[in-house]
N, C-alpha and C. Protein backbone atom coordinates (compact mmCIF):
# COMPACT_ATOMS: atom_id res chain seq x y z
N MET A 1 77.72 73.61 51.59
CA MET A 1 78.47 74.76 52.00
C MET A 1 80.01 74.37 51.71
N ALA A 2 80.68 75.25 51.27
CA ALA A 2 81.89 74.96 50.89
C ALA A 2 83.19 74.65 52.03
N PRO A 3 84.04 73.70 51.67
CA PRO A 3 84.76 73.37 52.76
C PRO A 3 85.82 74.49 53.23
N ALA A 4 86.48 74.45 54.54
CA ALA A 4 87.28 75.48 54.76
C ALA A 4 88.66 75.16 53.98
N VAL A 5 89.34 76.26 53.81
CA VAL A 5 90.71 76.11 53.07
C VAL A 5 91.73 75.30 53.75
N PRO A 6 92.38 74.44 52.90
CA PRO A 6 93.31 73.54 53.51
C PRO A 6 94.38 74.22 54.15
N GLY A 7 94.72 74.07 55.31
CA GLY A 7 95.83 74.90 55.74
C GLY A 7 95.68 76.36 56.22
N ALA A 8 94.32 76.80 56.10
CA ALA A 8 94.32 78.27 56.21
C ALA A 8 93.97 78.50 57.92
N THR A 9 94.55 77.88 58.65
CA THR A 9 94.45 78.09 60.10
C THR A 9 95.14 79.27 60.42
N GLN A 10 94.80 79.96 61.68
CA GLN A 10 95.34 80.84 62.23
C GLN A 10 96.89 80.79 62.27
N ALA A 11 97.75 81.50 61.78
CA ALA A 11 99.19 81.20 61.76
C ALA A 11 100.12 81.17 62.72
N VAL A 12 99.76 82.30 63.62
CA VAL A 12 100.64 82.59 64.88
C VAL A 12 99.80 82.41 66.20
N ALA A 13 100.37 81.49 67.02
CA ALA A 13 99.69 81.14 68.22
C ALA A 13 99.37 82.51 69.07
N SER A 14 100.54 83.25 69.06
CA SER A 14 100.40 84.68 70.06
C SER A 14 99.41 85.52 69.38
N ASN A 15 99.01 85.46 68.18
CA ASN A 15 98.26 86.45 67.18
C ASN A 15 97.49 85.65 66.38
N PRO A 16 96.30 84.95 67.08
CA PRO A 16 95.50 84.03 66.33
C PRO A 16 94.69 84.49 64.96
N TYR A 17 94.58 85.92 65.01
CA TYR A 17 93.90 86.62 64.09
C TYR A 17 94.70 87.10 62.82
N VAL A 18 95.65 86.38 62.36
CA VAL A 18 96.56 86.59 61.47
C VAL A 18 96.67 85.44 60.56
N HIS A 19 96.51 85.95 59.07
CA HIS A 19 96.83 84.81 57.95
C HIS A 19 97.96 85.29 57.08
N TYR A 20 98.90 84.31 56.86
CA TYR A 20 100.02 84.54 55.92
C TYR A 20 99.59 83.95 54.62
N VAL A 21 99.55 84.71 53.57
CA VAL A 21 98.99 84.07 52.50
C VAL A 21 99.78 83.00 51.73
N ARG A 22 99.04 81.97 51.38
CA ARG A 22 99.72 80.78 50.86
C ARG A 22 99.51 80.72 49.43
N VAL A 23 100.14 80.02 48.47
CA VAL A 23 100.06 79.80 47.24
C VAL A 23 98.66 79.09 47.01
N GLY A 24 97.63 79.65 46.23
CA GLY A 24 96.41 79.23 45.95
C GLY A 24 95.28 79.83 46.74
N ASP A 25 95.81 80.82 47.66
CA ASP A 25 94.80 81.43 48.57
C ASP A 25 93.97 82.67 47.65
N SER A 26 92.82 82.71 47.83
CA SER A 26 92.21 83.56 47.16
C SER A 26 91.34 84.41 48.18
N ILE A 27 90.85 85.65 47.83
CA ILE A 27 90.08 86.25 48.84
C ILE A 27 88.74 85.53 49.38
N ASP A 28 88.13 84.94 48.32
CA ASP A 28 86.62 84.26 48.44
C ASP A 28 87.30 83.07 49.36
N LEU A 29 88.26 82.44 49.16
CA LEU A 29 88.50 81.04 50.20
C LEU A 29 88.93 81.47 51.54
N LEU A 30 89.50 82.75 51.65
CA LEU A 30 89.78 83.11 52.96
C LEU A 30 88.40 83.52 53.62
N GLY A 31 87.84 84.21 52.87
CA GLY A 31 86.45 84.68 53.62
C GLY A 31 85.59 83.45 54.06
N GLN A 32 85.58 82.29 53.20
CA GLN A 32 84.99 80.94 53.63
C GLN A 32 85.81 80.37 54.76
N SER A 33 87.01 80.55 54.88
CA SER A 33 87.84 79.83 55.82
C SER A 33 87.51 80.42 57.23
N TYR A 34 87.56 81.82 57.30
CA TYR A 34 87.58 82.53 58.46
C TYR A 34 86.34 83.11 58.76
N TYR A 35 85.17 83.22 57.99
CA TYR A 35 84.04 83.85 58.42
C TYR A 35 82.80 83.00 57.89
N GLY A 36 83.06 81.82 57.10
CA GLY A 36 82.14 81.00 56.84
C GLY A 36 81.23 81.13 55.65
N ASN A 37 81.77 82.12 54.87
CA ASN A 37 81.10 82.21 53.42
C ASN A 37 82.14 83.08 52.63
N PRO A 38 82.36 82.71 51.32
CA PRO A 38 83.21 83.53 50.48
C PRO A 38 82.90 84.96 50.37
N HIS A 39 81.62 85.55 50.78
CA HIS A 39 81.42 86.91 50.66
C HIS A 39 82.04 87.74 51.62
N TYR A 40 82.36 87.09 52.86
CA TYR A 40 82.94 87.80 53.62
C TYR A 40 84.64 88.16 53.12
N GLY A 41 84.89 87.69 52.16
CA GLY A 41 86.28 88.10 51.58
C GLY A 41 86.34 89.81 51.46
N ARG A 42 85.09 90.23 51.03
CA ARG A 42 85.03 91.80 50.99
C ARG A 42 85.49 92.60 52.33
N VAL A 43 85.08 91.80 53.54
CA VAL A 43 85.31 92.45 54.79
C VAL A 43 87.02 92.48 54.98
N ILE A 44 87.61 91.17 54.56
CA ILE A 44 89.04 90.94 54.73
C ILE A 44 89.68 92.14 53.84
N GLU A 45 89.18 92.21 52.62
CA GLU A 45 89.63 93.41 51.73
C GLU A 45 89.82 94.88 52.47
N LEU A 46 88.78 94.99 53.02
CA LEU A 46 88.41 96.27 53.56
C LEU A 46 89.43 96.43 54.86
N VAL A 47 89.37 95.52 55.65
CA VAL A 47 90.23 95.60 56.98
C VAL A 47 91.77 95.73 56.63
N ASN A 48 91.95 95.13 55.38
CA ASN A 48 93.45 95.17 55.04
C ASN A 48 93.71 96.05 54.17
N SER A 49 92.76 96.86 53.62
CA SER A 49 92.92 98.10 52.59
C SER A 49 93.54 97.43 51.34
N LEU A 50 92.91 96.39 50.87
CA LEU A 50 93.16 95.76 49.62
C LEU A 50 92.32 96.39 48.47
N GLY A 51 92.75 96.24 47.41
CA GLY A 51 92.06 96.71 46.26
C GLY A 51 91.09 95.60 46.00
N LYS A 52 89.89 96.14 45.43
CA LYS A 52 88.99 95.11 45.01
C LYS A 52 89.44 93.94 43.99
N ARG A 53 89.29 92.66 44.67
CA ARG A 53 89.85 91.56 43.83
C ARG A 53 91.43 91.66 43.39
N GLU A 54 92.07 92.40 44.34
CA GLU A 54 93.59 92.29 44.42
C GLU A 54 94.26 90.97 44.50
N LYS A 55 95.06 90.73 43.74
CA LYS A 55 95.66 89.42 43.70
C LYS A 55 96.47 89.25 44.80
N LEU A 56 96.60 88.22 45.63
CA LEU A 56 97.22 87.84 46.89
C LEU A 56 98.59 87.45 46.53
N LYS A 57 99.52 87.92 47.17
CA LYS A 57 100.87 87.50 47.24
C LYS A 57 101.29 86.69 48.29
N PRO A 58 101.79 85.45 47.95
CA PRO A 58 102.12 84.50 49.14
C PRO A 58 103.36 85.40 49.98
N GLY A 59 102.90 85.01 51.36
CA GLY A 59 103.73 85.53 52.45
C GLY A 59 103.14 86.86 53.01
N THR A 60 102.15 87.58 52.11
CA THR A 60 101.54 88.61 52.82
C THR A 60 100.92 88.23 53.92
N LYS A 61 101.14 89.32 54.86
CA LYS A 61 100.44 89.18 56.27
C LYS A 61 99.07 89.95 56.23
N LEU A 62 97.89 89.06 56.46
CA LEU A 62 96.59 89.75 56.45
C LEU A 62 96.09 89.51 57.96
N ARG A 63 95.23 90.63 58.26
CA ARG A 63 94.50 90.51 59.59
C ARG A 63 93.17 89.94 59.04
N THR A 64 92.79 88.88 60.18
CA THR A 64 91.53 88.21 59.94
C THR A 64 90.81 88.19 61.48
N PRO A 65 90.61 89.49 62.10
CA PRO A 65 89.95 89.40 63.43
C PRO A 65 88.46 88.88 63.32
N ARG A 66 87.98 88.48 64.52
CA ARG A 66 86.61 88.26 64.57
C ARG A 66 85.66 89.55 64.22
N LEU A 67 84.55 89.28 63.59
CA LEU A 67 83.76 90.26 63.27
C LEU A 67 83.39 91.32 64.20
N ASP A 68 83.30 90.72 65.42
CA ASP A 68 82.81 91.89 66.54
C ASP A 68 84.02 92.72 66.74
N ALA A 69 85.33 92.05 66.75
CA ALA A 69 86.52 92.88 67.09
C ALA A 69 86.66 94.04 66.05
N ILE A 70 86.21 93.60 64.82
CA ILE A 70 86.50 94.34 63.72
C ILE A 70 85.38 95.72 63.77
N LEU A 71 84.19 95.28 64.22
CA LEU A 71 83.22 96.44 64.33
C LEU A 71 83.50 97.24 65.47
N ALA A 72 84.09 96.88 66.67
CA ALA A 72 84.52 97.53 67.54
C ALA A 72 85.57 98.40 67.24
N GLU A 73 86.68 98.10 66.60
CA GLU A 73 87.96 98.78 66.44
C GLU A 73 87.43 100.04 65.30
N GLU A 74 86.50 99.85 64.42
CA GLU A 74 86.09 100.57 63.52
C GLU A 74 85.05 101.65 63.94
N GLY A 75 84.69 101.59 65.28
CA GLY A 75 83.98 102.51 65.75
C GLY A 75 82.52 102.21 65.70
N VAL A 76 82.04 101.18 64.87
CA VAL A 76 80.57 101.09 64.80
C VAL A 76 79.71 100.61 66.31
N SER A 77 80.43 99.69 66.89
CA SER A 77 79.98 99.25 68.06
C SER A 77 79.82 100.25 69.37
N ALA A 78 80.59 101.06 69.20
CA ALA A 78 80.84 102.07 70.14
C ALA A 78 79.67 103.01 70.18
N LEU A 79 79.00 103.20 69.07
CA LEU A 79 77.76 104.04 69.00
C LEU A 79 76.46 103.01 68.90
N PHE A 80 76.65 101.93 68.39
CA PHE A 80 75.47 101.04 68.32
C PHE A 80 75.99 99.43 68.87
N PRO A 81 76.27 99.39 70.19
CA PRO A 81 76.54 98.17 70.72
C PRO A 81 75.68 97.02 70.43
N MET A 82 74.22 97.52 71.04
CA MET A 82 73.24 96.52 70.89
C MET A 82 72.86 96.13 69.52
N GLU A 83 73.11 96.81 68.71
CA GLU A 83 72.80 96.65 67.22
C GLU A 83 73.72 95.63 66.75
N THR A 84 75.01 96.08 66.86
CA THR A 84 76.12 95.10 66.31
C THR A 84 76.11 93.72 67.15
N HIS A 85 75.74 93.65 68.17
CA HIS A 85 75.83 92.41 69.10
C HIS A 85 74.59 91.48 68.48
N ALA A 86 73.40 92.15 68.24
CA ALA A 86 72.25 91.63 67.70
C ALA A 86 72.52 90.93 66.40
N MET A 87 72.96 91.74 65.57
CA MET A 87 73.36 91.38 64.18
C MET A 87 74.28 90.31 64.08
N LEU A 88 75.31 90.25 64.86
CA LEU A 88 76.27 88.94 64.66
C LEU A 88 75.49 87.74 65.40
N GLU A 89 74.72 88.14 66.46
CA GLU A 89 74.00 86.90 67.04
C GLU A 89 72.94 86.16 66.23
N ALA A 90 72.35 87.13 65.23
CA ALA A 90 71.32 86.55 64.34
C ALA A 90 72.02 85.86 63.33
N ARG A 91 73.27 86.43 63.02
CA ARG A 91 74.04 85.72 61.75
C ARG A 91 74.63 84.21 62.50
N ALA A 92 74.84 84.18 63.68
CA ALA A 92 75.28 82.95 64.40
C ALA A 92 74.08 82.11 64.29
N SER A 93 72.98 82.55 64.74
CA SER A 93 71.83 81.66 64.75
C SER A 93 71.36 81.02 63.43
N PHE A 94 71.56 81.81 62.35
CA PHE A 94 71.33 81.27 60.99
C PHE A 94 72.31 80.18 60.56
N MET A 95 73.78 80.49 60.97
CA MET A 95 74.75 79.61 60.72
C MET A 95 74.52 78.31 61.56
N GLU A 96 74.04 78.26 62.62
CA GLU A 96 73.74 76.92 63.25
C GLU A 96 72.79 76.02 62.50
N VAL A 97 71.80 76.58 61.60
CA VAL A 97 71.07 75.68 61.10
C VAL A 97 71.25 75.57 59.61
N GLU A 98 72.32 76.12 59.05
CA GLU A 98 72.63 76.26 57.93
C GLU A 98 72.92 75.06 57.00
N ASP A 99 73.70 74.17 57.50
CA ASP A 99 73.99 72.80 57.08
C ASP A 99 72.72 71.98 56.77
N GLN A 100 71.86 72.05 57.89
CA GLN A 100 70.60 71.52 57.72
C GLN A 100 69.69 72.09 56.71
N LEU A 101 69.79 73.36 56.34
CA LEU A 101 69.09 74.02 55.37
C LEU A 101 69.56 73.52 53.98
N TYR A 102 70.97 73.34 53.97
CA TYR A 102 71.71 72.99 52.57
C TYR A 102 71.02 71.54 52.22
N SER A 103 70.97 70.82 53.16
CA SER A 103 70.45 69.39 53.19
C SER A 103 69.15 69.46 52.51
N LEU A 104 68.32 70.20 53.17
CA LEU A 104 66.83 70.39 52.93
C LEU A 104 66.85 70.85 51.67
N ALA A 105 67.65 71.69 51.09
CA ALA A 105 67.61 72.50 49.69
C ALA A 105 67.50 71.31 48.54
N ARG A 106 68.33 70.20 48.92
CA ARG A 106 68.61 69.26 47.97
C ARG A 106 66.96 68.54 47.57
N THR A 107 66.20 68.68 48.53
CA THR A 107 64.99 67.96 48.51
C THR A 107 63.92 68.94 47.96
N ALA A 108 64.21 70.03 47.60
CA ALA A 108 63.24 71.17 47.28
C ALA A 108 62.38 70.73 46.03
N ASP A 109 61.05 70.78 46.12
CA ASP A 109 60.04 70.47 45.21
C ASP A 109 59.66 72.04 44.70
N ASN A 110 59.85 72.40 43.46
CA ASN A 110 59.49 73.61 43.02
C ASN A 110 59.80 74.74 43.93
N GLY A 111 60.96 74.71 44.42
CA GLY A 111 61.60 75.88 45.38
C GLY A 111 60.92 75.79 46.73
N TYR A 112 60.28 74.82 47.04
CA TYR A 112 59.72 74.55 48.40
C TYR A 112 60.38 73.36 49.13
N VAL A 113 60.67 73.64 50.43
CA VAL A 113 60.76 72.23 51.55
C VAL A 113 60.28 72.66 52.63
N GLN A 114 60.03 71.39 53.54
CA GLN A 114 59.40 71.44 54.62
C GLN A 114 60.35 71.58 55.68
N VAL A 115 60.38 72.99 56.21
CA VAL A 115 61.32 73.18 57.38
C VAL A 115 60.85 72.76 58.81
N PRO A 116 61.76 72.07 59.42
CA PRO A 116 61.41 71.71 60.90
C PRO A 116 60.85 72.95 61.73
N GLU A 117 60.06 72.55 62.62
CA GLU A 117 59.35 73.75 63.54
C GLU A 117 60.72 74.50 64.40
N ASP A 118 61.67 73.80 64.80
CA ASP A 118 62.56 74.22 65.60
C ASP A 118 63.52 75.25 64.80
N VAL A 119 63.72 74.82 63.48
CA VAL A 119 64.55 75.48 62.78
C VAL A 119 63.79 76.59 62.29
N GLN A 120 62.28 76.59 62.09
CA GLN A 120 61.54 77.72 61.64
C GLN A 120 61.62 78.79 62.75
N LEU A 121 61.60 78.39 63.97
CA LEU A 121 61.53 79.32 65.21
C LEU A 121 62.97 79.97 65.04
N LYS A 122 63.93 79.46 64.82
CA LYS A 122 65.21 79.81 64.87
C LYS A 122 65.61 80.92 63.99
N LEU A 123 65.04 80.79 62.79
CA LEU A 123 65.18 81.44 61.58
C LEU A 123 64.28 82.76 61.78
N GLN A 124 62.85 82.48 62.34
CA GLN A 124 62.18 83.55 62.43
C GLN A 124 62.67 84.56 63.71
N ALA A 125 63.17 84.08 64.71
CA ALA A 125 63.94 84.77 65.47
C ALA A 125 64.88 85.64 65.15
N ALA A 126 65.75 85.00 64.34
CA ALA A 126 66.96 85.86 63.72
C ALA A 126 66.35 86.68 62.71
N SER A 127 65.42 86.62 62.15
CA SER A 127 64.78 87.54 61.19
C SER A 127 64.20 88.85 62.02
N GLN A 128 63.69 88.53 63.04
CA GLN A 128 63.27 89.53 63.75
C GLN A 128 64.48 90.49 64.39
N MET A 129 65.40 89.71 64.95
CA MET A 129 66.54 90.62 65.16
C MET A 129 67.15 91.27 64.24
N MET A 130 67.15 90.83 63.11
CA MET A 130 67.79 91.80 61.91
C MET A 130 66.96 92.84 61.51
N TRP A 131 65.78 92.79 61.65
CA TRP A 131 64.63 93.89 61.47
C TRP A 131 64.86 94.71 62.57
N ASP A 132 65.21 94.27 63.86
CA ASP A 132 65.41 95.25 65.07
C ASP A 132 66.71 96.09 64.95
N VAL A 133 67.48 95.43 64.47
CA VAL A 133 68.95 95.92 64.02
C VAL A 133 68.81 97.13 63.06
N ALA A 134 68.16 96.74 62.17
CA ALA A 134 67.96 97.87 61.07
C ALA A 134 67.22 99.13 61.56
N MET A 135 66.24 98.63 62.23
CA MET A 135 65.45 100.00 62.84
C MET A 135 66.23 100.66 63.92
N GLY A 136 67.27 99.82 64.68
CA GLY A 136 68.09 100.68 65.57
C GLY A 136 69.06 101.59 65.06
N PHE A 137 69.63 101.05 63.84
CA PHE A 137 70.50 102.19 63.12
C PHE A 137 69.70 103.39 62.62
N ARG A 138 68.55 103.39 62.67
CA ARG A 138 67.85 104.70 62.16
C ARG A 138 67.54 105.56 63.26
N VAL A 139 67.91 105.31 64.44
CA VAL A 139 67.56 106.13 65.84
C VAL A 139 68.56 107.37 65.71
N PRO A 140 68.08 108.31 65.77
CA PRO A 140 68.97 109.65 65.67
C PRO A 140 69.96 109.80 66.90
N LYS A 141 71.31 110.08 66.65
CA LYS A 141 72.20 110.17 67.60
C LYS A 141 73.13 111.35 67.24
N PRO A 142 73.65 112.18 68.26
CA PRO A 142 74.30 113.50 68.04
C PRO A 142 75.38 113.20 67.19
N GLU A 143 76.18 112.13 67.38
CA GLU A 143 77.44 111.92 66.65
C GLU A 143 77.19 111.54 65.26
N VAL A 144 75.80 111.23 64.87
CA VAL A 144 75.53 110.55 63.55
C VAL A 144 74.93 111.73 62.85
N GLU A 145 75.70 112.16 61.61
CA GLU A 145 75.11 112.99 60.56
C GLU A 145 74.01 112.32 59.63
N VAL A 146 74.38 111.17 59.31
CA VAL A 146 73.60 110.43 58.21
C VAL A 146 73.63 109.12 58.78
N VAL A 147 72.44 108.36 58.86
CA VAL A 147 72.40 107.08 59.06
C VAL A 147 72.69 106.16 57.91
N PRO A 148 73.22 104.91 58.17
CA PRO A 148 73.87 104.08 57.03
C PRO A 148 72.78 103.23 56.53
N ASN A 149 72.15 104.18 55.51
CA ASN A 149 71.01 103.76 54.84
C ASN A 149 71.51 102.35 53.96
N ARG A 150 72.55 102.23 53.49
CA ARG A 150 72.87 101.09 52.56
C ARG A 150 72.83 99.77 53.54
N SER A 151 73.51 99.91 54.78
CA SER A 151 73.45 98.75 55.73
C SER A 151 72.07 98.38 55.97
N ILE A 152 71.44 99.53 56.30
CA ILE A 152 70.05 99.43 56.91
C ILE A 152 69.19 98.47 55.82
N GLY A 153 69.31 98.99 54.54
CA GLY A 153 68.70 98.16 53.45
C GLY A 153 69.05 96.68 53.35
N GLN A 154 70.34 96.45 53.35
CA GLN A 154 70.84 94.99 53.43
C GLN A 154 70.36 94.49 54.47
N LEU A 155 70.29 94.99 55.77
CA LEU A 155 69.77 94.14 56.98
C LEU A 155 68.31 93.90 56.91
N LYS A 156 67.36 94.73 56.47
CA LYS A 156 66.17 94.61 56.21
C LYS A 156 65.79 93.45 55.05
N GLY A 157 66.85 93.26 54.09
CA GLY A 157 66.62 92.16 53.21
C GLY A 157 66.95 91.05 53.60
N VAL A 158 67.97 90.81 54.63
CA VAL A 158 68.16 89.88 55.25
C VAL A 158 67.16 89.22 56.07
N SER A 159 66.38 90.23 56.79
CA SER A 159 65.19 89.79 57.70
C SER A 159 64.14 89.00 56.81
N PHE A 160 64.00 89.75 55.62
CA PHE A 160 62.89 89.18 54.79
C PHE A 160 63.38 87.88 54.24
N ASP A 161 64.61 87.52 54.01
CA ASP A 161 65.15 86.47 53.45
C ASP A 161 64.93 85.32 54.36
N LEU A 162 65.30 85.58 55.76
CA LEU A 162 65.29 84.65 56.64
C LEU A 162 63.83 84.31 57.06
N ARG A 163 62.75 85.12 57.01
CA ARG A 163 61.62 84.91 57.10
C ARG A 163 61.02 83.82 55.92
N ARG A 164 61.36 84.44 54.80
CA ARG A 164 60.76 83.58 53.74
C ARG A 164 61.32 82.14 53.67
N ILE A 165 62.69 82.06 53.99
CA ILE A 165 63.41 80.51 54.20
C ILE A 165 62.71 79.82 55.16
N SER A 166 62.33 80.43 56.26
CA SER A 166 61.53 79.93 57.43
C SER A 166 60.34 79.05 56.91
N TYR A 167 59.62 79.72 55.95
CA TYR A 167 58.29 79.17 55.50
C TYR A 167 58.63 78.17 54.27
N GLY A 168 59.84 77.86 54.27
CA GLY A 168 60.33 76.70 53.28
C GLY A 168 60.59 77.16 51.87
N SER A 169 60.65 78.55 51.52
CA SER A 169 61.25 78.77 50.12
C SER A 169 62.52 78.88 50.06
N LEU A 170 63.13 77.83 49.13
CA LEU A 170 64.63 77.50 49.31
C LEU A 170 64.72 76.73 47.85
N ASP A 171 65.67 77.32 46.92
CA ASP A 171 66.15 76.68 45.75
C ASP A 171 67.04 75.56 46.21
N GLU A 172 67.08 74.63 44.99
CA GLU A 172 67.89 73.46 45.23
C GLU A 172 69.29 73.52 45.51
N GLN A 173 69.85 74.73 44.88
CA GLN A 173 71.24 74.79 45.06
C GLN A 173 71.65 75.64 46.29
N GLY A 174 70.65 76.34 47.11
CA GLY A 174 71.01 76.77 48.27
C GLY A 174 71.23 78.14 47.94
N PHE A 175 70.85 78.88 46.67
CA PHE A 175 71.29 80.08 46.54
C PHE A 175 70.77 81.22 47.52
N ASP A 176 69.54 80.78 47.98
CA ASP A 176 68.95 81.71 48.91
C ASP A 176 69.87 82.01 50.33
N LEU A 177 70.60 80.83 50.56
CA LEU A 177 71.27 80.79 51.79
C LEU A 177 72.57 81.68 51.58
N ASP A 178 73.22 81.60 50.45
CA ASP A 178 74.21 82.45 50.00
C ASP A 178 73.95 83.77 50.03
N VAL A 179 72.89 84.14 49.43
CA VAL A 179 72.40 85.60 49.50
C VAL A 179 72.36 86.07 50.88
N VAL A 180 72.08 85.36 51.71
CA VAL A 180 72.03 85.92 53.17
C VAL A 180 73.26 86.48 53.69
N HIS A 181 74.40 85.51 53.26
CA HIS A 181 75.73 86.06 53.76
C HIS A 181 76.07 87.11 53.02
N GLN A 182 75.63 87.13 51.81
CA GLN A 182 76.11 88.38 50.72
C GLN A 182 75.69 89.60 51.45
N LYS A 183 74.44 89.69 51.72
CA LYS A 183 73.67 90.90 52.20
C LYS A 183 74.44 91.21 53.70
N ILE A 184 74.83 90.41 54.48
CA ILE A 184 75.24 90.57 55.76
C ILE A 184 76.86 91.15 55.58
N ALA A 185 77.60 90.51 54.65
CA ALA A 185 78.97 90.94 54.42
C ALA A 185 78.84 92.30 54.01
N TRP A 186 77.92 92.72 52.87
CA TRP A 186 77.83 94.04 52.40
C TRP A 186 77.31 95.15 53.50
N ALA A 187 76.47 94.67 54.40
CA ALA A 187 76.00 95.58 55.43
C ALA A 187 77.16 96.02 56.38
N ILE A 188 78.09 94.82 56.70
CA ILE A 188 78.94 95.11 57.75
C ILE A 188 80.03 95.98 56.91
N CYS A 189 80.46 95.99 55.42
CA CYS A 189 81.35 96.65 54.86
C CYS A 189 80.81 98.06 54.76
N ASN A 190 79.65 98.40 54.44
CA ASN A 190 79.06 99.74 54.54
C ASN A 190 79.14 100.30 55.87
N GLU A 191 78.94 99.39 56.76
CA GLU A 191 78.90 100.13 58.24
C GLU A 191 80.44 100.58 58.48
N ILE A 192 81.26 99.78 58.08
CA ILE A 192 82.73 100.22 58.21
C ILE A 192 83.18 101.49 57.46
N ILE A 193 82.62 101.48 56.43
CA ILE A 193 83.17 102.67 55.54
C ILE A 193 82.27 104.01 55.90
N TRP A 194 81.02 103.75 56.49
CA TRP A 194 80.12 104.85 57.03
C TRP A 194 80.95 105.28 58.46
N ALA A 195 81.35 104.53 59.00
CA ALA A 195 82.14 104.89 60.29
C ALA A 195 83.39 105.59 60.11
N ARG A 196 84.12 105.22 59.09
CA ARG A 196 85.22 105.70 58.71
C ARG A 196 85.10 107.20 58.22
N ASN A 197 83.95 107.43 57.72
CA ASN A 197 83.72 108.64 57.12
C ASN A 197 83.10 109.59 58.17
N GLY A 198 83.26 109.25 59.45
CA GLY A 198 82.60 110.14 60.61
C GLY A 198 81.12 110.01 60.70
N TYR A 199 80.75 108.92 60.31
CA TYR A 199 79.21 108.62 60.42
C TYR A 199 78.42 109.65 59.73
N ARG A 200 78.86 109.78 58.59
CA ARG A 200 78.24 110.84 57.47
C ARG A 200 78.66 110.55 55.97
N ALA A 201 78.11 111.23 55.20
CA ALA A 201 78.34 111.29 53.78
C ALA A 201 77.97 109.86 53.03
N TYR A 202 78.67 108.72 53.68
CA TYR A 202 78.41 107.61 52.84
C TYR A 202 77.14 106.84 53.21
N GLN A 203 76.19 106.88 52.38
CA GLN A 203 74.96 106.35 52.81
C GLN A 203 74.65 105.04 51.87
């Protein structure tokens, strides 16, 4: 797991979810620092209306709210409160054992490791939660013209990945673990775009 960005602490005590860009900052490093993986840099771009891979200018003020706060202010959790809470809870459960899984990955024999039972159970519970979240987003609601199919697909993929990892399928570089974050980050981004479009059009 990549280390946090040196000095990338929340910059203002009265507003802890703000970051002032420093020399050497990149969107990937900020994604790692604030949300635990470089892939969440896409969320920072979206929240701050940055262009894809836009170069960060030192001194620029960026918002880096908690993920639950982002989903609330964007209107996702207003319609799907249980699903957004469960998605982030499953993500947190995965991250609780992520360091242990990275250590296990270094011992992989032909892409297989022996996962301790407690870790297996945690991953399988998180897998089921992600599956339930994906299915929850498919439930018809009057305000929703089109369900967020892209997010649903990503979340189902996360569910499959967590289940597979729980059985010990893990490459030596931990690529499988990184992909879990990639899919969650894209699911969140797609949910935000879908909500901004009035819960329609963007699938």
